[in-house]
Amino acid sequence: RLSCAASGRTFSRYALMGWFRQAPGKEREFVAAIHWSTGGTYYRDSV
């Protein structure tokens, strides 16, 4: 279970937070994202 703690400002209701990953020798790729206020989620197919 990964965690990401944010600080420095209050996010607007339009904020989107995402997870990305980069394997050795590969480009960084999208993993998942969540809309801050609605809780709507997005995933890459492989996960």
All heavy atoms as atom14 arrays in JSON, in Angstrom:
{
  "sequence": "RLSCAASGRTFSRYALMGWFRQAPGKEREFVAAIHWSTGGTYYRDSV",
  "atom14_mask": [
    [1, 1, 1, 1, 1, 1, 1, 1, 1, 1, 1, 0, 0, 0],
    [1, 1, 1, 1, 1, 1, 1, 1, 0, 0, 0, 0, 0, 0],
    [1, 1, 1, 1, 1, 1, 0, 0, 0, 0, 0, 0, 0, 0],
    [1, 1, 1, 1, 1, 1, 0, 0, 0, 0, 0, 0, 0, 0],
    [1, 1, 1, 1, 1, 0, 0, 0, 0, 0, 0, 0, 0, 0],
    [1, 1, 1, 1, 1, 0, 0, 0, 0, 0, 0, 0, 0, 0],
    [1, 1, 1, 1, 1, 1, 0, 0, 0, 0, 0, 0, 0, 0],
    [1, 1, 1, 1, 0, 0, 0, 0, 0, 0, 0, 0, 0, 0],
    [1, 1, 1, 1, 1, 1, 1, 1, 1, 1, 1, 0, 0, 0],
    [1, 1, 1, 1, 1, 1, 1, 0, 0, 0, 0, 0, 0, 0],
    [1, 1, 1, 1, 1, 1, 1, 1, 1, 1, 1, 0, 0, 0],
    [1, 1, 1, 1, 1, 1, 0, 0, 0, 0, 0, 0, 0, 0],
    [1, 1, 1, 1, 1, 1, 1, 1, 1, 1, 1, 0, 0, 0],
    [1, 1, 1, 1, 1, 1, 1, 1, 1, 1, 1, 1, 0, 0],
    [1, 1, 1, 1, 1, 0, 0, 0, 0, 0, 0, 0, 0, 0],
    [1, 1, 1, 1, 1, 1, 1, 1, 0, 0, 0, 0, 0, 0],
    [1, 1, 1, 1, 1, 1, 1, 1, 0, 0, 0, 0, 0, 0],
    [1, 1, 1, 1, 0, 0, 0, 0, 0, 0, 0, 0, 0, 0],
    [1, 1, 1, 1, 1, 1, 1, 1, 1, 1, 1, 1, 1, 1],
    [1, 1, 1, 1, 1, 1, 1, 1, 1, 1, 1, 0, 0, 0],
    [1, 1, 1, 1, 1, 1, 1, 1, 1, 1, 1, 0, 0, 0],
    [1, 1, 1, 1, 1, 1, 1, 1, 1, 0, 0, 0, 0, 0],
    [1, 1, 1, 1, 1, 0, 0, 0, 0, 0, 0, 0, 0, 0],
    [1, 1, 1, 1, 1, 1, 1, 0, 0, 0, 0, 0, 0, 0],
    [1, 1, 1, 1, 0, 0, 0, 0, 0, 0, 0, 0, 0, 0],
    [1, 1, 1, 1, 1, 1, 1, 1, 1, 0, 0, 0, 0, 0],
    [1, 1, 1, 1, 1, 1, 1, 1, 1, 0, 0, 0, 0, 0],
    [1, 1, 1, 1, 1, 1, 1, 1, 1, 1, 1, 0, 0, 0],
    [1, 1, 1, 1, 1, 1, 1, 1, 1, 0, 0, 0, 0, 0],
    [1, 1, 1, 1, 1, 1, 1, 1, 1, 1, 1, 0, 0, 0],
    [1, 1, 1, 1, 1, 1, 1, 0, 0, 0, 0, 0, 0, 0],
    [1, 1, 1, 1, 1, 0, 0, 0, 0, 0, 0, 0, 0, 0],
    [1, 1, 1, 1, 1, 0, 0, 0, 0, 0, 0, 0, 0, 0],
    [1, 1, 1, 1, 1, 1, 1, 1, 0, 0, 0, 0, 0, 0],
    [1, 1, 1, 1, 1, 1, 1, 1, 1, 1, 0, 0, 0, 0],
    [1, 1, 1, 1, 1, 1, 1, 1, 1, 1, 1, 1, 1, 1],
    [1, 1, 1, 1, 1, 1, 0, 0, 0, 0, 0, 0, 0, 0],
    [1, 1, 1, 1, 1, 1, 1, 0, 0, 0, 0, 0, 0, 0],
    [1, 1, 1, 1, 0, 0, 0, 0, 0, 0, 0, 0, 0, 0],
    [1, 1, 1, 1, 0, 0, 0, 0, 0, 0, 0, 0, 0, 0],
    [1, 1, 1, 1, 1, 1, 1, 0, 0, 0, 0, 0, 0, 0],
    [1, 1, 1, 1, 1, 1, 1, 1, 1, 1, 1, 1, 0, 0],
    [1, 1, 1, 1, 1, 1, 1, 1, 1, 1, 1, 1, 0, 0],
    [1, 1, 1, 1, 1, 1, 1, 1, 1, 1, 1, 0, 0, 0],
    [1, 1, 1, 1, 1, 1, 1, 1, 0, 0, 0, 0, 0, 0],
    [1, 1, 1, 1, 1, 1, 0, 0, 0, 0, 0, 0, 0, 0],
    [1, 1, 1, 1, 1, 1, 1, 0, 0, 0, 0, 0, 0, 0]
  ],
  "atom14_positions": [
    [[0.85, -1.19, 0.0], [0.0, 0.0, 0.0], [0.89, 1.24, 0.0], [1.64, 1.46, 0.95], [-0.91, 0.02, 1.21], [-1.96, 1.14, 1.19], [-2.58, 1.32, 2.55], [-3.8, 2.1, 2.52], [-4.26, 2.78, 3.57], [-3.58, 2.76, 4.71], [-5.39, 3.45, 3.48], [0.0, 0.0, 0.0], [0.0, 0.0, 0.0], [0.0, 0.0, 0.0]],
    [[0.79, 2.0, -1.06], [1.54, 3.24, -1.16], [0.7, 4.41, -0.64], [-0.53, 4.41, -0.81], [1.94, 3.52, -2.6], [2.71, 2.42, -3.33], [3.09, 2.9, -4.74], [3.93, 2.0, -2.57], [0.0, 0.0, 0.0], [0.0, 0.0, 0.0], [0.0, 0.0, 0.0], [0.0, 0.0, 0.0], [0.0, 0.0, 0.0], [0.0, 0.0, 0.0]],
    [[1.37, 5.38, -0.05], [0.73, 6.59, 0.4], [1.41, 7.79, -0.22], [2.61, 7.76, -0.5], [0.8, 6.71, 1.93], [0.18, 5.63, 2.57], [0.0, 0.0, 0.0], [0.0, 0.0, 0.0], [0.0, 0.0, 0.0], [0.0, 0.0, 0.0], [0.0, 0.0, 0.0], [0.0, 0.0, 0.0], [0.0, 0.0, 0.0], [0.0, 0.0, 0.0]],
    [[0.64, 8.83, -0.42], [1.18, 10.1, -0.92], [0.55, 11.22, -0.1], [-0.65, 11.47, -0.23], [0.89, 10.28, -2.4], [1.37, 11.9, -3.03], [0.0, 0.0, 0.0], [0.0, 0.0, 0.0], [0.0, 0.0, 0.0], [0.0, 0.0, 0.0], [0.0, 0.0, 0.0], [0.0, 0.0, 0.0], [0.0, 0.0, 0.0], [0.0, 0.0, 0.0]],
    [[1.37, 11.86, 0.72], [0.88, 12.95, 1.57], [1.2, 14.28, 0.91], [2.35, 14.54, 0.52], [1.53, 12.87, 2.94], [0.0, 0.0, 0.0], [0.0, 0.0, 0.0], [0.0, 0.0, 0.0], [0.0, 0.0, 0.0], [0.0, 0.0, 0.0], [0.0, 0.0, 0.0], [0.0, 0.0, 0.0], [0.0, 0.0, 0.0], [0.0, 0.0, 0.0]],
    [[0.18, 15.11, 0.81], [0.33, 16.42, 0.17], [0.31, 17.53, 1.21], [-0.43, 17.44, 2.19], [-0.78, 16.64, -0.84], [0.0, 0.0, 0.0], [0.0, 0.0, 0.0], [0.0, 0.0, 0.0], [0.0, 0.0, 0.0], [0.0, 0.0, 0.0], [0.0, 0.0, 0.0], [0.0, 0.0, 0.0], [0.0, 0.0, 0.0], [0.0, 0.0, 0.0]],
    [[1.1, 18.54, 0.99], [1.11, 19.7, 1.88], [1.44, 20.95, 1.08], [1.9, 20.87, -0.07], [2.13, 19.51, 3.01], [3.43, 19.39, 2.49], [0.0, 0.0, 0.0], [0.0, 0.0, 0.0], [0.0, 0.0, 0.0], [0.0, 0.0, 0.0], [0.0, 0.0, 0.0], [0.0, 0.0, 0.0], [0.0, 0.0, 0.0], [0.0, 0.0, 0.0]],
    [[1.19, 22.09, 1.67], [1.57, 23.35, 1.04], [0.4, 24.2, 0.59], [0.52, 25.41, 0.49], [0.0, 0.0, 0.0], [0.0, 0.0, 0.0], [0.0, 0.0, 0.0], [0.0, 0.0, 0.0], [0.0, 0.0, 0.0], [0.0, 0.0, 0.0], [0.0, 0.0, 0.0], [0.0, 0.0, 0.0], [0.0, 0.0, 0.0], [0.0, 0.0, 0.0]],
    [[-0.71, 23.56, 0.26], [-1.89, 24.33, -0.12], [-3.11, 23.45, -0.05], [-2.99, 22.21, -0.08], [-1.75, 24.94, -1.51], [-1.69, 23.94, -2.64], [-1.61, 24.63, -3.98], [-2.87, 25.22, -4.39], [-3.02, 25.99, -5.46], [-1.98, 26.29, -6.21], [-4.2, 26.47, -5.8], [0.0, 0.0, 0.0], [0.0, 0.0, 0.0], [0.0, 0.0, 0.0]],
    [[-4.27, 24.06, 0.0], [-5.52, 23.33, -0.05], [-5.91, 23.14, -1.51], [-5.92, 24.08, -2.28], [-6.63, 24.1, 0.68], [-6.24, 24.31, 2.04], [-7.94, 23.32, 0.63], [0.0, 0.0, 0.0], [0.0, 0.0, 0.0], [0.0, 0.0, 0.0], [0.0, 0.0, 0.0], [0.0, 0.0, 0.0], [0.0, 0.0, 0.0], [0.0, 0.0, 0.0]],
    [[-6.23, 21.91, -1.87], [-6.58, 21.63, -3.26], [-7.99, 22.07, -3.56], [-8.89, 21.92, -2.73], [-6.44, 20.13, -3.54], [-5.02, 19.64, -3.5], [-4.75, 18.32, -3.21], [-3.95, 20.48, -3.74], [-3.45, 17.84, -3.17], [-2.65, 20.03, -3.71], [-2.4, 18.71, -3.41], [0.0, 0.0, 0.0], [0.0, 0.0, 0.0], [0.0, 0.0, 0.0]],
    [[-8.18, 22.57, -4.76], [-9.51, 22.92, -5.21], [-10.3, 21.66, -5.5], [-9.73, 20.55, -5.57], [-9.43, 23.77, -6.48], [-9.17, 22.94, -7.6], [0.0, 0.0, 0.0], [0.0, 0.0, 0.0], [0.0, 0.0, 0.0], [0.0, 0.0, 0.0], [0.0, 0.0, 0.0], [0.0, 0.0, 0.0], [0.0, 0.0, 0.0], [0.0, 0.0, 0.0]],
    [[-11.58, 21.83, -5.71], [-12.42, 20.66, -6.01], [-12.16, 20.12, -7.4], [-12.69, 19.08, -7.78], [-13.89, 21.0, -5.83], [-14.4, 22.12, -6.72], [-15.77, 22.57, -6.24], [-16.35, 23.6, -7.08], [-17.24, 23.35, -8.03], [-17.64, 22.12, -8.25], [-17.74, 24.33, -8.74], [0.0, 0.0, 0.0], [0.0, 0.0, 0.0], [0.0, 0.0, 0.0]],
    [[-11.35, 20.8, -8.17], [-11.03, 20.35, -9.52], [-9.72, 19.56, -9.58], [-9.32, 19.11, -10.64], [-10.92, 21.55, -10.45], [-12.17, 22.38, -10.52], [-12.22, 23.63, -9.93], [-13.29, 21.89, -11.17], [-13.37, 24.39, -9.98], [-14.46, 22.65, -11.23], [-14.49, 23.9, -10.64], [-15.63, 24.64, -10.69], [0.0, 0.0, 0.0], [0.0, 0.0, 0.0]],
    [[-9.1, 19.39, -8.46], [-7.79, 18.74, -8.48], [-7.9, 17.26, -8.8], [-8.87, 16.59, -8.46], [-7.1, 18.93, -7.13], [0.0, 0.0, 0.0], [0.0, 0.0, 0.0], [0.0, 0.0, 0.0], [0.0, 0.0, 0.0], [0.0, 0.0, 0.0], [0.0, 0.0, 0.0], [0.0, 0.0, 0.0], [0.0, 0.0, 0.0], [0.0, 0.0, 0.0]],
    [[-6.89, 16.78, -9.48], [-6.77, 15.36, -9.82], [-5.42, 14.87, -9.31], [-4.4, 15.49, -9.6], [-6.84, 15.17, -11.33], [-6.75, 13.74, -11.86], [-8.06, 13.01, -11.64], [-6.38, 13.74, -13.33], [0.0, 0.0, 0.0], [0.0, 0.0, 0.0], [0.0, 0.0, 0.0], [0.0, 0.0, 0.0], [0.0, 0.0, 0.0], [0.0, 0.0, 0.0]],
    [[-5.43, 13.8, -8.56], [-4.16, 13.25, -8.07], [-3.91, 11.89, -8.72], [-4.83, 11.09, -8.83], [-4.17, 13.13, -6.56], [-4.22, 14.48, -5.87], [-3.77, 14.41, -4.13], [-2.01, 14.09, -4.22], [0.0, 0.0, 0.0], [0.0, 0.0, 0.0], [0.0, 0.0, 0.0], [0.0, 0.0, 0.0], [0.0, 0.0, 0.0], [0.0, 0.0, 0.0]],
    [[-2.7, 11.69, -9.13], [-2.4, 10.48, -9.87], [-1.17, 9.75, -9.38], [-0.33, 10.31, -8.66], [0.0, 0.0, 0.0], [0.0, 0.0, 0.0], [0.0, 0.0, 0.0], [0.0, 0.0, 0.0], [0.0, 0.0, 0.0], [0.0, 0.0, 0.0], [0.0, 0.0, 0.0], [0.0, 0.0, 0.0], [0.0, 0.0, 0.0], [0.0, 0.0, 0.0]],
    [[-1.09, 8.49, -9.76], [0.09, 7.66, -9.55], [0.66, 7.31, -10.92], [-0.08, 6.92, -11.83], [-0.26, 6.39, -8.8], [-0.55, 6.58, -7.35], [-1.76, 6.66, -6.73], [0.42, 6.68, -6.29], [-1.61, 6.82, -5.38], [-0.27, 6.83, -5.09], [1.83, 6.66, -6.26], [0.39, 6.97, -3.86], [2.47, 6.78, -5.05], [1.75, 6.94, -3.86]],
    [[1.95, 7.42, -11.02], [2.69, 7.02, -12.22], [3.82, 6.11, -11.78], [4.16, 6.04, -10.6], [3.26, 8.26, -12.93], [2.21, 9.16, -13.51], [1.52, 10.05, -12.7], [1.92, 9.12, -14.87], [0.54, 10.88, -13.23], [0.94, 9.95, -15.41], [0.26, 10.83, -14.59], [0.0, 0.0, 0.0], [0.0, 0.0, 0.0], [0.0, 0.0, 0.0]],
    [[4.42, 5.42, -12.73], [5.56, 4.57, -12.41], [6.54, 4.56, -13.55], [6.18, 4.79, -14.71], [5.11, 3.14, -12.08], [4.51, 2.39, -13.26], [3.95, 1.05, -12.79], [3.38, 0.28, -13.91], [2.72, -0.87, -13.76], [2.52, -1.36, -12.54], [2.25, -1.49, -14.82], [0.0, 0.0, 0.0], [0.0, 0.0, 0.0], [0.0, 0.0, 0.0]],
    [[7.79, 4.3, -13.2], [8.84, 4.2, -14.2], [9.74, 3.04, -13.88], [10.39, 3.0, -12.83], [9.65, 5.5, -14.27], [10.66, 5.51, -15.4], [11.24, 6.87, -15.66], [11.24, 7.75, -14.79], [11.74, 7.1, -16.86], [0.0, 0.0, 0.0], [0.0, 0.0, 0.0], [0.0, 0.0, 0.0], [0.0, 0.0, 0.0], [0.0, 0.0, 0.0]],
    [[9.75, 2.07, -14.77], [10.61, 0.91, -14.64], [11.97, 1.21, -15.28], [12.06, 2.08, -16.15], [9.96, -0.3, -15.31], [0.0, 0.0, 0.0], [0.0, 0.0, 0.0], [0.0, 0.0, 0.0], [0.0, 0.0, 0.0], [0.0, 0.0, 0.0], [0.0, 0.0, 0.0], [0.0, 0.0, 0.0], [0.0, 0.0, 0.0], [0.0, 0.0, 0.0]],
    [[13.01, 0.5, -14.86], [14.34, 0.74, -15.44], [14.33, 0.61, -16.96], [13.81, -0.37, -17.5], [15.2, -0.36, -14.8], [14.5, -0.68, -13.53], [13.04, -0.53, -13.81], [0.0, 0.0, 0.0], [0.0, 0.0, 0.0], [0.0, 0.0, 0.0], [0.0, 0.0, 0.0], [0.0, 0.0, 0.0], [0.0, 0.0, 0.0], [0.0, 0.0, 0.0]],
    [[14.86, 1.62, -17.62], [14.95, 1.58, -19.07], [13.66, 1.86, -19.81], [13.62, 1.76, -21.04], [0.0, 0.0, 0.0], [0.0, 0.0, 0.0], [0.0, 0.0, 0.0], [0.0, 0.0, 0.0], [0.0, 0.0, 0.0], [0.0, 0.0, 0.0], [0.0, 0.0, 0.0], [0.0, 0.0, 0.0], [0.0, 0.0, 0.0], [0.0, 0.0, 0.0]],
    [[12.63, 2.22, -19.08], [11.34, 2.47, -19.72], [10.86, 3.88, -19.4], [11.34, 4.51, -18.47], [10.3, 1.45, -19.25], [10.61, 0.02, -19.67], [9.48, -0.91, -19.32], [9.74, -2.32, -19.81], [8.62, -3.25, -19.49], [0.0, 0.0, 0.0], [0.0, 0.0, 0.0], [0.0, 0.0, 0.0], [0.0, 0.0, 0.0], [0.0, 0.0, 0.0]],
    [[9.9, 4.32, -20.18], [9.33, 5.63, -19.94], [8.35, 5.57, -18.77], [7.77, 4.53, -18.47], [8.6, 6.12, -21.21], [9.54, 6.42, -22.36], [8.82, 7.06, -23.53], [7.58, 7.15, -23.49], [9.5, 7.47, -24.49], [0.0, 0.0, 0.0], [0.0, 0.0, 0.0], [0.0, 0.0, 0.0], [0.0, 0.0, 0.0], [0.0, 0.0, 0.0]],
    [[8.18, 6.72, -18.15], [7.21, 6.79, -17.07], [5.81, 6.61, -17.64], [5.51, 7.13, -18.71], [7.34, 8.14, -16.36], [6.52, 8.27, -15.1], [6.94, 9.49, -14.31], [6.79, 10.71, -15.09], [7.27, 11.9, -14.71], [7.93, 12.01, -13.57], [7.09, 12.95, -15.49], [0.0, 0.0, 0.0], [0.0, 0.0, 0.0], [0.0, 0.0, 0.0]],
    [[4.96, 5.87, -16.91], [3.63, 5.59, -17.41], [2.58, 5.83, -16.32], [2.85, 5.74, -15.13], [3.53, 4.14, -17.9], [3.74, 3.09, -16.83], [3.7, 1.67, -17.38], [3.85, 1.48, -18.61], [3.5, 0.74, -16.56], [0.0, 0.0, 0.0], [0.0, 0.0, 0.0], [0.0, 0.0, 0.0], [0.0, 0.0, 0.0], [0.0, 0.0, 0.0]],
    [[1.39, 6.13, -16.79], [0.26, 6.35, -15.91], [-0.17, 5.04, -15.26], [-0.16, 3.98, -15.91], [-0.9, 6.93, -16.73], [-2.21, 7.01, -16.02], [-2.47, 8.05, -15.13], [-3.19, 6.06, -16.24], [-3.68, 8.13, -14.48], [-4.41, 6.12, -15.59], [-4.66, 7.17, -14.71], [0.0, 0.0, 0.0], [0.0, 0.0, 0.0], [0.0, 0.0, 0.0]],
    [[-0.56, 5.12, -13.98], [-1.07, 3.95, -13.28], [-2.53, 4.15, -12.89], [-3.39, 3.34, -13.24], [-0.24, 3.65, -12.01], [-0.83, 2.47, -11.25], [1.22, 3.38, -12.38], [0.0, 0.0, 0.0], [0.0, 0.0, 0.0], [0.0, 0.0, 0.0], [0.0, 0.0, 0.0], [0.0, 0.0, 0.0], [0.0, 0.0, 0.0], [0.0, 0.0, 0.0]],
    [[-2.8, 5.22, -12.17], [-4.16, 5.47, -11.7], [-4.29, 6.93, -11.29], [-3.28, 7.6, -11.04], [-4.5, 4.57, -10.51], [0.0, 0.0, 0.0], [0.0, 0.0, 0.0], [0.0, 0.0, 0.0], [0.0, 0.0, 0.0], [0.0, 0.0, 0.0], [0.0, 0.0, 0.0], [0.0, 0.0, 0.0], [0.0, 0.0, 0.0], [0.0, 0.0, 0.0]],
    [[-5.52, 7.41, -11.23], [-5.77, 8.77, -10.78], [-7.11, 8.84, -10.09], [-8.0, 8.01, -10.33], [-5.72, 9.76, -11.95], [0.0, 0.0, 0.0], [0.0, 0.0, 0.0], [0.0, 0.0, 0.0], [0.0, 0.0, 0.0], [0.0, 0.0, 0.0], [0.0, 0.0, 0.0], [0.0, 0.0, 0.0], [0.0, 0.0, 0.0], [0.0, 0.0, 0.0]],
    [[-7.24, 9.85, -9.23], [-8.49, 10.03, -8.51], [-8.84, 11.52, -8.48], [-7.98, 12.37, -8.22], [-8.41, 9.45, -7.08], [-9.75, 9.56, -6.35], [-7.29, 10.12, -6.26], [-9.83, 8.72, -5.09], [0.0, 0.0, 0.0], [0.0, 0.0, 0.0], [0.0, 0.0, 0.0], [0.0, 0.0, 0.0], [0.0, 0.0, 0.0], [0.0, 0.0, 0.0]],
    [[-10.1, 11.81, -8.77], [-10.56, 13.19, -8.73], [-10.76, 13.58, -7.27], [-11.39, 12.84, -6.51], [-11.87, 13.33, -9.51], [-12.19, 14.72, -9.9], [-12.88, 15.57, -9.08], [-11.9, 15.42, -11.02], [-13.02, 16.74, -9.68], [-12.43, 16.67, -10.86], [0.0, 0.0, 0.0], [0.0, 0.0, 0.0], [0.0, 0.0, 0.0], [0.0, 0.0, 0.0]],
    [[-10.21, 14.72, -6.87], [-10.13, 15.07, -5.46], [-11.49, 15.2, -4.79], [-11.69, 14.76, -3.67], [-9.35, 16.38, -5.32], [-8.91, 16.69, -3.91], [-9.27, 17.76, -3.16], [-8.0, 15.91, -3.12], [-8.65, 17.7, -1.93], [-7.86, 16.6, -1.88], [-7.31, 14.73, -3.32], [-7.05, 16.12, -0.85], [-6.49, 14.26, -2.3], [-6.38, 14.95, -1.09]],
    [[-12.48, 15.78, -5.5], [-13.77, 16.03, -4.86], [-14.8, 14.95, -5.16], [-15.57, 14.56, -4.28], [-14.32, 17.39, -5.28], [-14.53, 17.41, -6.68], [0.0, 0.0, 0.0], [0.0, 0.0, 0.0], [0.0, 0.0, 0.0], [0.0, 0.0, 0.0], [0.0, 0.0, 0.0], [0.0, 0.0, 0.0], [0.0, 0.0, 0.0], [0.0, 0.0, 0.0]],
    [[-14.81, 14.44, -6.37], [-15.86, 13.47, -6.73], [-15.47, 12.04, -6.37], [-16.33, 11.18, -6.24], [-16.16, 13.51, -8.23], [-15.02, 13.03, -8.96], [-16.49, 14.93, -8.68], [0.0, 0.0, 0.0], [0.0, 0.0, 0.0], [0.0, 0.0, 0.0], [0.0, 0.0, 0.0], [0.0, 0.0, 0.0], [0.0, 0.0, 0.0], [0.0, 0.0, 0.0]],
    [[-14.16, 11.81, -6.24], [-13.7, 10.45, -5.98], [-13.68, 9.58, -7.22], [-13.4, 8.37, -7.13], [0.0, 0.0, 0.0], [0.0, 0.0, 0.0], [0.0, 0.0, 0.0], [0.0, 0.0, 0.0], [0.0, 0.0, 0.0], [0.0, 0.0, 0.0], [0.0, 0.0, 0.0], [0.0, 0.0, 0.0], [0.0, 0.0, 0.0], [0.0, 0.0, 0.0]],
    [[-13.97, 10.17, -8.38], [-13.9, 9.41, -9.61], [-12.5, 8.89, -9.87], [-11.52, 9.58, -9.59], [0.0, 0.0, 0.0], [0.0, 0.0, 0.0], [0.0, 0.0, 0.0], [0.0, 0.0, 0.0], [0.0, 0.0, 0.0], [0.0, 0.0, 0.0], [0.0, 0.0, 0.0], [0.0, 0.0, 0.0], [0.0, 0.0, 0.0], [0.0, 0.0, 0.0]],
    [[-12.4, 7.66, -10.36], [-11.09, 7.03, -10.52], [-10.83, 6.61, -11.96], [-11.76, 6.39, -12.74], [-10.96, 5.81, -9.61], [-12.02, 4.88, -9.9], [-11.04, 6.21, -8.14], [0.0, 0.0, 0.0], [0.0, 0.0, 0.0], [0.0, 0.0, 0.0], [0.0, 0.0, 0.0], [0.0, 0.0, 0.0], [0.0, 0.0, 0.0], [0.0, 0.0, 0.0]],
    [[-9.55, 6.51, -12.27], [-9.09, 6.09, -13.59], [-7.93, 5.11, -13.38], [-7.14, 5.31, -12.46], [-8.6, 7.29, -14.41], [-9.53, 8.47, -14.43], [-9.51, 9.42, -13.42], [-10.43, 8.65, -15.49], [-10.36, 10.52, -13.44], [-11.27, 9.74, -15.52], [-11.23, 10.68, -14.5], [-12.07, 11.76, -14.53], [0.0, 0.0, 0.0], [0.0, 0.0, 0.0]],
    [[-7.85, 4.1, -14.24], [-6.77, 3.1, -14.12], [-6.24, 2.74, -15.49], [-6.98, 2.73, -16.49], [-7.3, 1.82, -13.47], [-7.76, 1.97, -12.04], [-9.1, 2.22, -11.74], [-6.86, 1.85, -10.98], [-9.52, 2.35, -10.44], [-7.28, 1.98, -9.67], [-8.61, 2.23, -9.41], [-9.04, 2.36, -8.11], [0.0, 0.0, 0.0], [0.0, 0.0, 0.0]],
    [[-4.98, 2.37, -15.54], [-4.47, 1.76, -16.76], [-4.97, 0.32, -16.78], [-5.2, -0.29, -15.73], [-2.95, 1.81, -16.83], [-2.2, 0.91, -15.88], [-0.68, 1.01, -16.11], [-0.27, 0.53, -17.4], [0.13, 1.33, -18.39], [0.16, 2.65, -18.21], [0.51, 0.83, -19.55], [0.0, 0.0, 0.0], [0.0, 0.0, 0.0], [0.0, 0.0, 0.0]],
    [[-5.13, -0.23, -17.97], [-5.76, -1.54, -18.11], [-5.03, -2.64, -17.35], [-5.65, -3.52, -16.76], [-5.84, -1.91, -19.6], [-6.91, -1.12, -20.33], [-7.76, -0.49, -19.66], [-6.89, -1.11, -21.57], [0.0, 0.0, 0.0], [0.0, 0.0, 0.0], [0.0, 0.0, 0.0], [0.0, 0.0, 0.0], [0.0, 0.0, 0.0], [0.0, 0.0, 0.0]],
    [[-3.71, -2.58, -17.33], [-2.95, -3.69, -16.75], [-3.05, -3.78, -15.23], [-2.64, -4.79, -14.65], [-1.48, -3.58, -17.16], [-0.9, -2.4, -16.63], [0.0, 0.0, 0.0], [0.0, 0.0, 0.0], [0.0, 0.0, 0.0], [0.0, 0.0, 0.0], [0.0, 0.0, 0.0], [0.0, 0.0, 0.0], [0.0, 0.0, 0.0], [0.0, 0.0, 0.0]],
    [[-3.6, -2.77, -14.59], [-3.72, -2.82, -13.13], [-5.17, -2.9, -12.67], [-5.43, -3.05, -11.48], [-3.04, -1.6, -12.45], [-1.59, -1.47, -12.92], [-3.8, -0.31, -12.67], [0.0, 0.0, 0.0], [0.0, 0.0, 0.0], [0.0, 0.0, 0.0], [0.0, 0.0, 0.0], [0.0, 0.0, 0.0], [0.0, 0.0, 0.0], [0.0, 0.0, 0.0]]
  ]
}
